[in-house]
Amino acid sequence: MMIGRRKCICFVLACVAASFVTGAMAATDPRAGEPEGERIALWPEGKVPSLEEHQYNEPFIEWFVPSNKTTDAVMIVTCGGGYGICNWVPTGSMGGGFRDWLLEKGMTVVRLHHRTPRPKKVAKHVTAWQDAQRAVRLVRHGAAAHGVSPDKIGFFGYSAAGHLALLMALSSQTGTYEPIDEIDSLPCNIAFAAPAYPAYVLSDGVNSVNTHGGDLAEDVILPEFKFDSATCPVFFMHGDADVISPMGSVKVYSRLHAMHVPCDLHVFAKRDHDFKSKGAIKGKFLAWRPLLWDWLVQMGFCGDAS
C-alpha cells in the first residue's frame, strides 16, 4: 500500500508539472483576472529580472483597503500551484475568500500575482521569490499612502506559496536580483508570515511525501532557508493527512523555537492538502482563521476585532 500511494502521488505531481510547462500561459495568464483593487505593476517596463519569454511577465500587486480599518498591519496574500501557476480564485477560501475575511476584520490586503510558469534557467522558485521581494518593497514604499505601517507587513501563501512565505520569513537578507531603482533601496524583510501547508521544505527531493509511518528523521530543511538575522515570527498550519508532510512545518517551527522566535504551530487531524477532509467532517475548513487572528492580536499586530 505504501508503494502504491507513492506511485499515485508521483503520477499526480507529474501530470500537474506537465501542465505547468505548456506554452498556453506564456503571454497572458487568465488567473490574473480583471483588476478588483488598485493594481500596480511590480517591475518597470524592460526591467524584469531573470526574464524568460515563456513566462507571464506582467506580475503585479493589488491593494485592498478596508472601510473599517482596525489595524495598520497589512497582509500580502499570494497563491500556490507548484510554482507553475499562481492559483488565485476570487471566491476561494485561500484566495479571494481569505482576502475578504481579512478586509471584514479591518486589515489591509495586498494580493501578489507572481510570474508563472516555472522558470527554465533558474530554480523553480527564483522568479517568484524575486517578485515577492519586489512586492514587499513596493508595499513598504506605498505604506504611508495607504495608511499602513511599513513595519507591520505580513505574508500569507499556501502550498508552493507557503514555501515562498517561508523564504520571505527566513531568508530576506538573501538578495535575488540587482537593484533597478530607488524602491530597491528599501528592505524586503517582513514582520510576520503565515504559510499554509508549505511544500518543498525538506530534502526528500519532492515535497516530503507523508507516508504515515515513514521515517522522515533523515530529511533536513533545505538550504535556501537561511534563518537569518531578520527572521520573523511565523504562524504554521498544516494537515496531518496532507501528502506534503507536516514535518516540514514542524521542523522549521522547532528551529525557530530554538531561536526564541515566537510562533504558533497548528497541525490539524485528518486534513489533507488544501485542508480537505479525510474524516467525517466535509466542506471548507476555516477554523484556522480565528486562530490566526488571535495570534496576530497576541503578537501585537492587530487589535481584537472579533
C-alpha atoms as a PDB file:
ATOM      1  CA  MET A   1       0.000   0.000   0.000  1.00  0.00           C
ATOM      2  CA  MET A   2       2.885   2.333   0.730  1.00  0.00           C
ATOM      3  CA  ILE A   3       4.400   1.846  -2.719  1.00  0.00           C
ATOM      4  CA  GLY A   4       1.021   2.265  -4.381  1.00  0.00           C
ATOM      5  CA  ARG A   5       0.411   5.521  -2.533  1.00  0.00           C
ATOM      6  CA  ARG A   6       3.814   6.913  -3.551  1.00  0.00           C
ATOM      7  CA  LYS A   7       3.229   5.924  -7.213  1.00  0.00           C
ATOM      8  CA  CYS A   8      -0.154   7.618  -7.179  1.00  0.00           C
ATOM      9  CA  ILE A   9       1.281  10.781  -5.651  1.00  0.00           C
ATOM     10  CA  CYS A  10       4.177  10.874  -8.107  1.00  0.00           C
ATOM     11  CA  PHE A  11       1.790  10.364 -11.043  1.00  0.00           C
ATOM     12  CA  VAL A  12      -0.398  13.251  -9.929  1.00  0.00           C
ATOM     13  CA  LEU A  13       2.606  15.525  -9.400  1.00  0.00           C
ATOM     14  CA  ALA A  14       3.987  14.585 -12.814  1.00  0.00           C
ATOM     15  CA  CYS A  15       0.669  15.346 -14.507  1.00  0.00           C
ATOM     16  CA  VAL A  16       0.401  18.691 -12.768  1.00  0.00           C
ATOM     17  CA  ALA A  17       4.008  19.571 -13.596  1.00  0.00           C
ATOM     18  CA  ALA A  18       3.423  18.680 -17.244  1.00  0.00           C
ATOM     19  CA  SER A  19       0.518  21.092 -17.405  1.00  0.00           C
ATOM     20  CA  PHE A  20       2.708  23.812 -15.879  1.00  0.00           C
ATOM     21  CA  VAL A  21       5.302  23.822 -18.635  1.00  0.00           C
ATOM     22  CA  THR A  22       2.945  24.207 -21.578  1.00  0.00           C
ATOM     23  CA  GLY A  23       3.108  27.407 -23.561  1.00  0.00           C
ATOM     24  CA  ALA A  24      -0.564  28.296 -23.003  1.00  0.00           C
ATOM     25  CA  MET A  25       0.279  30.837 -20.322  1.00  0.00           C
ATOM     26  CA  ALA A  26       3.320  32.392 -21.978  1.00  0.00           C
ATOM     27  CA  ALA A  27       1.902  35.802 -22.882  1.00  0.00           C
ATOM     28  CA  THR A  28      -1.193  36.011 -20.720  1.00  0.00           C
ATOM     29  CA  ASP A  29      -2.438  34.453 -17.510  1.00  0.00           C
ATOM     30  CA  PRO A  30      -6.195  34.050 -17.154  1.00  0.00           C
ATOM     31  CA  ARG A  31      -5.745  33.585 -13.415  1.00  0.00           C
ATOM     32  CA  ALA A  32      -4.613  37.199 -13.165  1.00  0.00           C
ATOM     33  CA  GLY A  33      -8.195  38.236 -13.847  1.00  0.00           C
ATOM     34  CA  GLU A  34      -9.532  41.745 -14.187  1.00  0.00           C
ATOM     35  CA  PRO A  35      -8.396  44.332 -11.616  1.00  0.00           C
ATOM     36  CA  GLU A  36     -10.505  44.363  -8.459  1.00  0.00           C
ATOM     37  CA  GLY A  37      -8.388  46.794  -6.459  1.00  0.00           C
ATOM     38  CA  GLU A  38      -5.562  49.233  -7.125  1.00  0.00           C
ATOM     39  CA  ARG A  39      -3.284  47.215  -9.407  1.00  0.00           C
ATOM     40  CA  ILE A  40       0.405  48.156  -9.670  1.00  0.00           C
ATOM     41  CA  ALA A  41       2.997  46.520 -11.924  1.00  0.00           C
ATOM     42  CA  LEU A  42       5.923  45.068  -9.998  1.00  0.00           C
ATOM     43  CA  TRP A  43       8.604  45.999 -12.493  1.00  0.00           C
ATOM     44  CA  PRO A  44       9.168  48.955 -14.819  1.00  0.00           C
ATOM     45  CA  GLU A  45       8.909  48.061 -18.486  1.00  0.00           C
ATOM     46  CA  GLY A  46      12.078  46.353 -19.684  1.00  0.00           C
ATOM     47  CA  LYS A  47      13.412  45.848 -16.144  1.00  0.00           C
ATOM     48  CA  VAL A  48      12.092  42.387 -15.250  1.00  0.00           C
ATOM     49  CA  PRO A  49      14.995  40.388 -13.762  1.00  0.00           C
ATOM     50  CA  SER A  50      15.749  36.854 -14.944  1.00  0.00           C
ATOM     51  CA  LEU A  51      13.390  37.400 -17.876  1.00  0.00           C
ATOM     52  CA  GLU A  52      12.212  34.212 -19.596  1.00  0.00           C
ATOM     53  CA  GLU A  53       9.941  34.589 -22.592  1.00  0.00           C
ATOM     54  CA  HIS A  54       7.711  31.606 -21.813  1.00  0.00           C
ATOM     55  CA  GLN A  55       6.562  33.161 -18.514  1.00  0.00           C
ATOM     56  CA  TYR A  56       3.724  35.548 -17.795  1.00  0.00           C
ATOM     57  CA  ASN A  57       5.931  38.588 -17.340  1.00  0.00           C
ATOM     58  CA  GLU A  58       3.466  41.173 -16.056  1.00  0.00           C
ATOM     59  CA  PRO A  59       3.373  40.350 -12.319  1.00  0.00           C
ATOM     60  CA  PHE A  60       1.600  42.815 -10.073  1.00  0.00           C
ATOM     61  CA  ILE A  61       0.348  43.702  -6.647  1.00  0.00           C
ATOM     62  CA  GLU A  62      -3.202  44.807  -5.948  1.00  0.00           C
ATOM     63  CA  TRP A  63      -4.183  46.912  -2.934  1.00  0.00           C
ATOM     64  CA  PHE A  64      -7.421  46.396  -0.975  1.00  0.00           C
ATOM     65  CA  VAL A  65      -8.118  48.821   1.867  1.00  0.00           C
ATOM     66  CA  PRO A  66     -10.985  48.095   4.306  1.00  0.00           C
ATOM     67  CA  SER A  67     -13.616  50.723   5.075  1.00  0.00           C
ATOM     68  CA  ASN A  68     -13.457  49.860   8.788  1.00  0.00           C
ATOM     69  CA  LYS A  69      -9.697  49.698   9.306  1.00  0.00           C
ATOM     70  CA  THR A  70      -8.853  48.231  12.735  1.00  0.00           C
ATOM     71  CA  THR A  71      -5.105  47.793  12.312  1.00  0.00           C
ATOM     72  CA  ASP A  72      -2.208  49.390  10.494  1.00  0.00           C
ATOM     73  CA  ALA A  73      -0.837  45.952   9.621  1.00  0.00           C
ATOM     74  CA  VAL A  74      -1.053  44.715   6.035  1.00  0.00           C
ATOM     75  CA  MET A  75      -1.116  41.154   4.710  1.00  0.00           C
ATOM     76  CA  ILE A  76       0.396  40.231   1.358  1.00  0.00           C
ATOM     77  CA  VAL A  77      -1.597  37.267   0.009  1.00  0.00           C
ATOM     78  CA  THR A  78      -0.425  35.003  -2.795  1.00  0.00           C
ATOM     79  CA  CYS A  79      -1.456  31.590  -4.035  1.00  0.00           C
ATOM     80  CA  GLY A  80       0.014  28.166  -4.620  1.00  0.00           C
ATOM     81  CA  GLY A  81       0.186  25.987  -7.705  1.00  0.00           C
ATOM     82  CA  GLY A  82       3.572  24.294  -7.678  1.00  0.00           C
ATOM     83  CA  TYR A  83       5.208  27.497  -8.991  1.00  0.00           C
ATOM     84  CA  GLY A  84       3.582  26.543 -12.313  1.00  0.00           C
ATOM     85  CA  ILE A  85       0.503  28.669 -11.741  1.00  0.00           C
ATOM     86  CA  CYS A  86      -0.455  31.379  -9.282  1.00  0.00           C
ATOM     87  CA  ASN A  87      -3.826  29.862  -8.499  1.00  0.00           C
ATOM     88  CA  TRP A  88      -5.888  32.872  -7.444  1.00  0.00           C
ATOM     89  CA  VAL A  89      -9.589  32.024  -7.058  1.00  0.00           C
ATOM     90  CA  PRO A  90     -11.681  35.166  -6.378  1.00  0.00           C
ATOM     91  CA  THR A  91     -14.082  33.227  -4.146  1.00  0.00           C
ATOM     92  CA  GLY A  92     -11.656  30.542  -2.926  1.00  0.00           C
ATOM     93  CA  SER A  93     -11.166  30.024   0.797  1.00  0.00           C
ATOM     94  CA  MET A  94      -7.383  30.512   0.464  1.00  0.00           C
ATOM     95  CA  GLY A  95      -7.555  33.293  -2.126  1.00  0.00           C
ATOM     96  CA  GLY A  96     -10.301  35.861  -2.561  1.00  0.00           C
ATOM     97  CA  GLY A  97     -12.319  34.445   0.312  1.00  0.00           C
ATOM     98  CA  PHE A  98      -9.410  34.919   2.710  1.00  0.00           C
ATOM     99  CA  ARG A  99      -8.829  38.430   1.377  1.00  0.00           C
ATOM    100  CA  ASP A 100     -12.482  39.295   2.005  1.00  0.00           C
ATOM    101  CA  TRP A 101     -12.331  37.861   5.531  1.00  0.00           C
ATOM    102  CA  LEU A 102      -9.290  39.981   6.366  1.00  0.00           C
ATOM    103  CA  LEU A 103     -10.995  43.066   4.942  1.00  0.00           C
ATOM    104  CA  GLU A 104     -14.027  42.393   7.124  1.00  0.00           C
ATOM    105  CA  LYS A 105     -11.717  42.170  10.128  1.00  0.00           C
ATOM    106  CA  GLY A 106     -10.331  45.582   9.210  1.00  0.00           C
ATOM    107  CA  MET A 107      -6.933  44.587   7.779  1.00  0.00           C
ATOM    108  CA  THR A 108      -5.480  45.952   4.547  1.00  0.00           C
ATOM    109  CA  VAL A 109      -4.657  43.250   1.989  1.00  0.00           C
ATOM    110  CA  VAL A 110      -2.229  43.245  -0.939  1.00  0.00           C
ATOM    111  CA  ARG A 111      -2.627  40.489  -3.488  1.00  0.00           C
ATOM    112  CA  LEU A 112       0.604  39.347  -5.162  1.00  0.00           C
ATOM    113  CA  HIS A 113       0.419  37.679  -8.572  1.00  0.00           C
ATOM    114  CA  HIS A 114       3.901  36.442  -9.444  1.00  0.00           C
ATOM    115  CA  ARG A 115       5.397  35.159 -12.681  1.00  0.00           C
ATOM    116  CA  THR A 116       4.446  31.725 -13.997  1.00  0.00           C
ATOM    117  CA  PRO A 117       5.003  29.013 -15.151  1.00  0.00           C
ATOM    118  CA  ARG A 118       8.265  27.802 -13.630  1.00  0.00           C
ATOM    119  CA  PRO A 119      11.461  29.332 -14.992  1.00  0.00           C
ATOM    120  CA  LYS A 120      13.771  27.107 -17.020  1.00  0.00           C
ATOM    121  CA  LYS A 121      17.131  28.810 -16.423  1.00  0.00           C
ATOM    122  CA  VAL A 122      16.988  29.129 -12.631  1.00  0.00           C
ATOM    123  CA  ALA A 123      15.481  27.123  -9.785  1.00  0.00           C
ATOM    124  CA  LYS A 124      11.692  26.699  -9.744  1.00  0.00           C
ATOM    125  CA  HIS A 125      11.085  29.389  -7.115  1.00  0.00           C
ATOM    126  CA  VAL A 126      13.580  32.091  -8.098  1.00  0.00           C
ATOM    127  CA  THR A 127      11.410  34.343 -10.286  1.00  0.00           C
ATOM    128  CA  ALA A 128       8.524  34.150  -7.805  1.00  0.00           C
ATOM    129  CA  TRP A 129      10.968  34.987  -4.997  1.00  0.00           C
ATOM    130  CA  GLN A 130      12.237  37.987  -6.937  1.00  0.00           C
ATOM    131  CA  ASP A 131       8.637  39.126  -7.413  1.00  0.00           C
ATOM    132  CA  ALA A 132       7.878  38.622  -3.720  1.00  0.00           C
ATOM    133  CA  GLN A 133      10.891  40.671  -2.591  1.00  0.00           C
ATOM    134  CA  ARG A 134       9.932  43.451  -5.006  1.00  0.00           C
ATOM    135  CA  ALA A 135       6.322  43.269  -3.752  1.00  0.00           C
ATOM    136  CA  VAL A 136       7.388  43.816  -0.139  1.00  0.00           C
ATOM    137  CA  ARG A 137       9.485  46.806  -1.174  1.00  0.00           C
ATOM    138  CA  LEU A 138       6.571  48.281  -3.134  1.00  0.00           C
ATOM    139  CA  VAL A 139       4.241  47.782  -0.166  1.00  0.00           C
ATOM    140  CA  ARG A 140       6.787  49.422   2.140  1.00  0.00           C
ATOM    141  CA  HIS A 141       7.126  52.281  -0.373  1.00  0.00           C
ATOM    142  CA  GLY A 142       3.341  52.754  -0.526  1.00  0.00           C
ATOM    143  CA  ALA A 143       2.619  52.164   3.152  1.00  0.00           C
ATOM    144  CA  ALA A 144       2.049  55.793   4.186  1.00  0.00           C
ATOM    145  CA  ALA A 145      -0.244  56.490   1.238  1.00  0.00           C
ATOM    146  CA  HIS A 146      -2.411  53.509   2.193  1.00  0.00           C
ATOM    147  CA  GLY A 147      -2.440  54.117   5.933  1.00  0.00           C
ATOM    148  CA  VAL A 148      -0.420  51.087   6.980  1.00  0.00           C
ATOM    149  CA  SER A 149       2.848  50.642   8.841  1.00  0.00           C
ATOM    150  CA  PRO A 150       5.998  49.708   6.885  1.00  0.00           C
ATOM    151  CA  ASP A 151       6.988  47.720   9.982  1.00  0.00           C
ATOM    152  CA  LYS A 152       3.838  45.550  10.028  1.00  0.00           C
ATOM    153  CA  ILE A 153       3.959  43.773   6.688  1.00  0.00           C
ATOM    154  CA  GLY A 154       2.913  40.123   6.740  1.00  0.00           C
ATOM    155  CA  PHE A 155       2.989  37.429   4.059  1.00  0.00           C
ATOM    156  CA  PHE A 156       0.482  34.588   3.507  1.00  0.00           C
ATOM    157  CA  GLY A 157       0.724  31.786   0.976  1.00  0.00           C
ATOM    158  CA  TYR A 158      -0.378  28.187   0.643  1.00  0.00           C
ATOM    159  CA  SER A 159       1.380  25.088  -0.718  1.00  0.00           C
ATOM    160  CA  ALA A 160       4.168  26.328  -3.044  1.00  0.00           C
ATOM    161  CA  ALA A 161       3.339  29.864  -1.914  1.00  0.00           C
ATOM    162  CA  GLY A 162       3.783  28.581   1.640  1.00  0.00           C
ATOM    163  CA  HIS A 163       7.358  27.805   0.610  1.00  0.00           C
ATOM    164  CA  LEU A 164       7.553  31.360  -0.727  1.00  0.00           C
ATOM    165  CA  ALA A 165       6.198  32.733   2.563  1.00  0.00           C
ATOM    166  CA  LEU A 166       8.917  30.861   4.438  1.00  0.00           C
ATOM    167  CA  LEU A 167      11.583  32.239   2.106  1.00  0.00           C
ATOM    168  CA  MET A 168      10.330  35.735   2.891  1.00  0.00           C
ATOM    169  CA  ALA A 169      10.279  34.989   6.621  1.00  0.00           C
ATOM    170  CA  LEU A 170      13.628  33.220   6.937  1.00  0.00           C
ATOM    171  CA  SER A 171      15.827  34.465   4.077  1.00  0.00           C
ATOM    172  CA  SER A 172      15.074  38.131   3.458  1.00  0.00           C
ATOM    173  CA  GLN A 173      18.763  39.044   3.682  1.00  0.00           C
ATOM    174  CA  THR A 174      19.480  36.968   0.568  1.00  0.00           C
ATOM    175  CA  GLY A 175      19.357  39.201  -2.493  1.00  0.00           C
ATOM    176  CA  THR A 176      17.677  37.694  -5.541  1.00  0.00           C
ATOM    177  CA  TYR A 177      18.180  40.460  -8.124  1.00  0.00           C
ATOM    178  CA  GLU A 178      20.258  43.566  -8.761  1.00  0.00           C
ATOM    179  CA  PRO A 179      18.603  46.864  -7.706  1.00  0.00           C
ATOM    180  CA  ILE A 180      16.834  48.666 -10.545  1.00  0.00           C
ATOM    181  CA  ASP A 181      15.564  51.868  -8.874  1.00  0.00           C
ATOM    182  CA  GLU A 182      15.236  53.710  -5.558  1.00  0.00           C
ATOM    183  CA  ILE A 183      12.481  51.364  -4.380  1.00  0.00           C
ATOM    184  CA  ASP A 184      15.057  48.582  -4.248  1.00  0.00           C
ATOM    185  CA  SER A 185      16.987  50.515  -1.623  1.00  0.00           C
ATOM    186  CA  LEU A 186      14.195  49.588   0.812  1.00  0.00           C
ATOM    187  CA  PRO A 187      14.493  46.382   2.849  1.00  0.00           C
ATOM    188  CA  CYS A 188      12.354  43.382   1.919  1.00  0.00           C
ATOM    189  CA  ASN A 189      12.050  41.799   5.358  1.00  0.00           C
ATOM    190  CA  ILE A 190       8.568  41.148   6.737  1.00  0.00           C
ATOM    191  CA  ALA A 191       7.162  41.336  10.261  1.00  0.00           C
ATOM    192  CA  PHE A 192       5.244  38.041  10.241  1.00  0.00           C
ATOM    193  CA  ALA A 193       4.395  35.136   7.963  1.00  0.00           C
ATOM    194  CA  ALA A 194       1.559  32.622   7.736  1.00  0.00           C
ATOM    195  CA  PRO A 195       2.500  29.677   5.493  1.00  0.00           C
ATOM    196  CA  ALA A 196      -0.296  27.172   4.950  1.00  0.00           C
ATOM    197  CA  TYR A 197       0.850  23.582   4.312  1.00  0.00           C
ATOM    198  CA  PRO A 198       4.147  24.715   2.728  1.00  0.00           C
ATOM    199  CA  ALA A 199       5.723  22.499   0.060  1.00  0.00           C
ATOM    200  CA  TYR A 200       9.416  21.968  -0.807  1.00  0.00           C
ATOM    201  CA  VAL A 201      10.685  22.375   2.754  1.00  0.00           C
ATOM    202  CA  LEU A 202      12.577  19.134   3.386  1.00  0.00           C
ATOM    203  CA  SER A 203      15.324  17.327   1.486  1.00  0.00           C
ATOM    204  CA  ASP A 204      13.487  14.311   0.076  1.00  0.00           C
ATOM    205  CA  GLY A 205      13.577  15.891  -3.365  1.00  0.00           C
ATOM    206  CA  VAL A 206       9.845  16.358  -3.938  1.00  0.00           C
ATOM    207  CA  ASN A 207       7.550  17.545  -1.186  1.00  0.00           C
ATOM    208  CA  SER A 208       8.496  15.296   1.737  1.00  0.00           C
ATOM    209  CA  VAL A 209       5.632  12.944   0.946  1.00  0.00           C
ATOM    210  CA  ASN A 210       3.639  11.986   4.018  1.00  0.00           C
ATOM    211  CA  THR A 211       3.608   8.174   4.108  1.00  0.00           C
ATOM    212  CA  HIS A 212       2.027   7.880   7.567  1.00  0.00           C
ATOM    213  CA  GLY A 213       4.599   5.811   9.338  1.00  0.00           C
ATOM    214  CA  GLY A 214       7.567   6.535   7.083  1.00  0.00           C
ATOM    215  CA  ASP A 215      10.646   7.853   8.823  1.00  0.00           C
ATOM    216  CA  LEU A 216      11.305  11.474   7.876  1.00  0.00           C
ATOM    217  CA  ALA A 217      14.023  11.807  10.505  1.00  0.00           C
ATOM    218  CA  GLU A 218      16.723  11.846   7.818  1.00  0.00           C
ATOM    219  CA  ASP A 219      15.089  14.694   5.893  1.00  0.00           C
ATOM    220  CA  VAL A 220      16.613  18.085   6.626  1.00  0.00           C
ATOM    221  CA  ILE A 221      15.458  21.623   5.985  1.00  0.00           C
ATOM    222  CA  LEU A 222      16.553  22.782   2.532  1.00  0.00           C
ATOM    223  CA  PRO A 223      19.482  25.238   2.384  1.00  0.00           C
ATOM    224  CA  GLU A 224      17.549  28.127   0.811  1.00  0.00           C
ATOM    225  CA  PHE A 225      16.051  28.730   4.241  1.00  0.00           C
ATOM    226  CA  LYS A 226      18.761  30.776   5.969  1.00  0.00           C
ATOM    227  CA  PHE A 227      17.157  31.634   9.340  1.00  0.00           C
ATOM    228  CA  ASP A 228      18.958  34.951   9.060  1.00  0.00           C
ATOM    229  CA  SER A 229      19.055  37.915  11.422  1.00  0.00           C
ATOM    230  CA  ALA A 230      15.754  39.322  10.117  1.00  0.00           C
ATOM    231  CA  THR A 231      13.821  36.083  10.659  1.00  0.00           C
ATOM    232  CA  CYS A 232      10.303  36.929  11.813  1.00  0.00           C
ATOM    233  CA  PRO A 233       7.539  35.190  13.799  1.00  0.00           C
ATOM    234  CA  VAL A 234       5.569  32.572  11.864  1.00  0.00           C
ATOM    235  CA  PHE A 235       2.077  31.090  12.130  1.00  0.00           C
ATOM    236  CA  PHE A 236       2.158  27.490  10.836  1.00  0.00           C
ATOM    237  CA  MET A 237      -0.873  25.468   9.742  1.00  0.00           C
ATOM    238  CA  HIS A 238      -0.817  22.003   8.202  1.00  0.00           C
ATOM    239  CA  GLY A 239      -2.968  18.876   7.952  1.00  0.00           C
ATOM    240  CA  ASP A 240      -1.659  15.583   9.262  1.00  0.00           C
ATOM    241  CA  ALA A 241      -3.176  13.728   6.281  1.00  0.00           C
ATOM    242  CA  ASP A 242      -1.508  16.023   3.752  1.00  0.00           C
ATOM    243  CA  VAL A 243       0.581  14.290   1.076  1.00  0.00           C
ATOM    244  CA  ILE A 244       3.085  17.069   1.794  1.00  0.00           C
ATOM    245  CA  SER A 245       4.283  16.015   5.195  1.00  0.00           C
ATOM    246  CA  PRO A 246       3.538  18.375   8.089  1.00  0.00           C
ATOM    247  CA  MET A 247       7.026  17.531   9.360  1.00  0.00           C
ATOM    248  CA  GLY A 248       8.323  20.344   7.160  1.00  0.00           C
ATOM    249  CA  SER A 249       6.325  22.821   9.209  1.00  0.00           C
ATOM    250  CA  VAL A 250       7.194  21.014  12.435  1.00  0.00           C
ATOM    251  CA  LYS A 251      10.936  21.059  11.782  1.00  0.00           C
ATOM    252  CA  VAL A 252      11.000  24.740  10.842  1.00  0.00           C
ATOM    253  CA  TYR A 253       8.937  25.542  13.931  1.00  0.00           C
ATOM    254  CA  SER A 254      11.395  23.569  16.069  1.00  0.00           C
ATOM    255  CA  ARG A 255      14.318  25.533  14.644  1.00  0.00           C
ATOM    256  CA  LEU A 256      12.542  28.850  15.282  1.00  0.00           C
ATOM    257  CA  HIS A 257      11.611  27.770  18.795  1.00  0.00           C
ATOM    258  CA  ALA A 258      15.290  27.122  19.499  1.00  0.00           C
ATOM    259  CA  MET A 259      15.987  30.660  18.239  1.00  0.00           C
ATOM    260  CA  HIS A 260      13.352  32.036  20.655  1.00  0.00           C
ATOM    261  CA  VAL A 261      11.232  33.332  17.774  1.00  0.00           C
ATOM    262  CA  PRO A 262       7.569  33.357  18.915  1.00  0.00           C
ATOM    263  CA  CYS A 263       5.494  31.125  16.629  1.00  0.00           C
ATOM    264  CA  ASP A 264       2.242  29.192  16.536  1.00  0.00           C
ATOM    265  CA  LEU A 265       2.095  25.646  15.147  1.00  0.00           C
ATOM    266  CA  HIS A 266      -1.244  24.018  14.277  1.00  0.00           C
ATOM    267  CA  VAL A 267      -1.394  20.512  12.791  1.00  0.00           C
ATOM    268  CA  PHE A 268      -4.998  19.512  12.133  1.00  0.00           C
ATOM    269  CA  ALA A 269      -6.111  15.880  12.307  1.00  0.00           C
ATOM    270  CA  LYS A 270      -7.464  14.157   9.185  1.00  0.00           C
ATOM    271  CA  ARG A 271      -6.930  17.168   6.958  1.00  0.00           C
ATOM    272  CA  ASP A 272      -5.483  16.654   3.500  1.00  0.00           C
ATOM    273  CA  HIS A 273      -3.778  19.138   1.184  1.00  0.00           C
ATOM    274  CA  ASP A 274      -5.792  22.341   0.771  1.00  0.00           C
ATOM    275  CA  PHE A 275      -7.395  21.390   4.115  1.00  0.00           C
ATOM    276  CA  LYS A 276      -9.757  18.915   2.518  1.00  0.00           C
ATOM    277  CA  SER A 277     -11.230  16.417   4.937  1.00  0.00           C
ATOM    278  CA  LYS A 278     -10.190  12.797   5.314  1.00  0.00           C
ATOM    279  CA  GLY A 279     -12.648  12.277   8.178  1.00  0.00           C
ATOM    280  CA  ALA A 280     -16.359  12.649   8.715  1.00  0.00           C
ATOM    281  CA  ILE A 281     -16.416  16.448   8.525  1.00  0.00           C
ATOM    282  CA  LYS A 282     -16.778  17.686   4.950  1.00  0.00           C
ATOM    283  CA  GLY A 283     -16.730  21.095   3.342  1.00  0.00           C
ATOM    284  CA  LYS A 284     -14.451  24.091   3.763  1.00  0.00           C
ATOM    285  CA  PHE A 285     -12.211  24.074   6.807  1.00  0.00           C
ATOM    286  CA  LEU A 286     -11.948  27.602   8.154  1.00  0.00           C
ATOM    287  CA  ALA A 287     -11.143  27.002  11.837  1.00  0.00           C
ATOM    288  CA  TRP A 288      -7.595  28.246  11.242  1.00  0.00           C
ATOM    289  CA  ARG A 289      -8.738  31.786  10.501  1.00  0.00           C
ATOM    290  CA  PRO A 290      -9.730  32.844  14.036  1.00  0.00           C
ATOM    291  CA  LEU A 291      -6.600  31.082  15.332  1.00  0.00           C
ATOM    292  CA  LEU A 292      -4.512  33.230  13.001  1.00  0.00           C
ATOM    293  CA  TRP A 293      -6.253  36.412  14.092  1.00  0.00           C
ATOM    294  CA  ASP A 294      -5.836  35.512  17.768  1.00  0.00           C
ATOM    295  CA  TRP A 295      -2.106  35.041  17.133  1.00  0.00           C
ATOM    296  CA  LEU A 296      -1.874  38.409  15.375  1.00  0.00           C
ATOM    297  CA  VAL A 297      -3.575  40.033  18.364  1.00  0.00           C
ATOM    298  CA  GLN A 298      -1.272  38.190  20.766  1.00  0.00           C
ATOM    299  CA  MET A 299       1.745  39.358  18.780  1.00  0.00           C
ATOM    300  CA  GLY A 300       0.545  42.971  18.834  1.00  0.00           C
ATOM    301  CA  PHE A 301      -0.017  43.345  15.103  1.00  0.00           C
ATOM    302  CA  CYS A 302      -3.787  43.658  15.392  1.00  0.00           C
ATOM    303  CA  GLY A 303      -6.406  44.670  17.879  1.00  0.00           C
ATOM    304  CA  ASP A 304      -9.165  42.321  18.954  1.00  0.00           C
ATOM    305  CA  ALA A 305     -11.701  42.746  16.150  1.00  0.00           C
ATOM    306  CA  SER A 306     -13.582  39.524  16.904  1.00  0.00           C
END
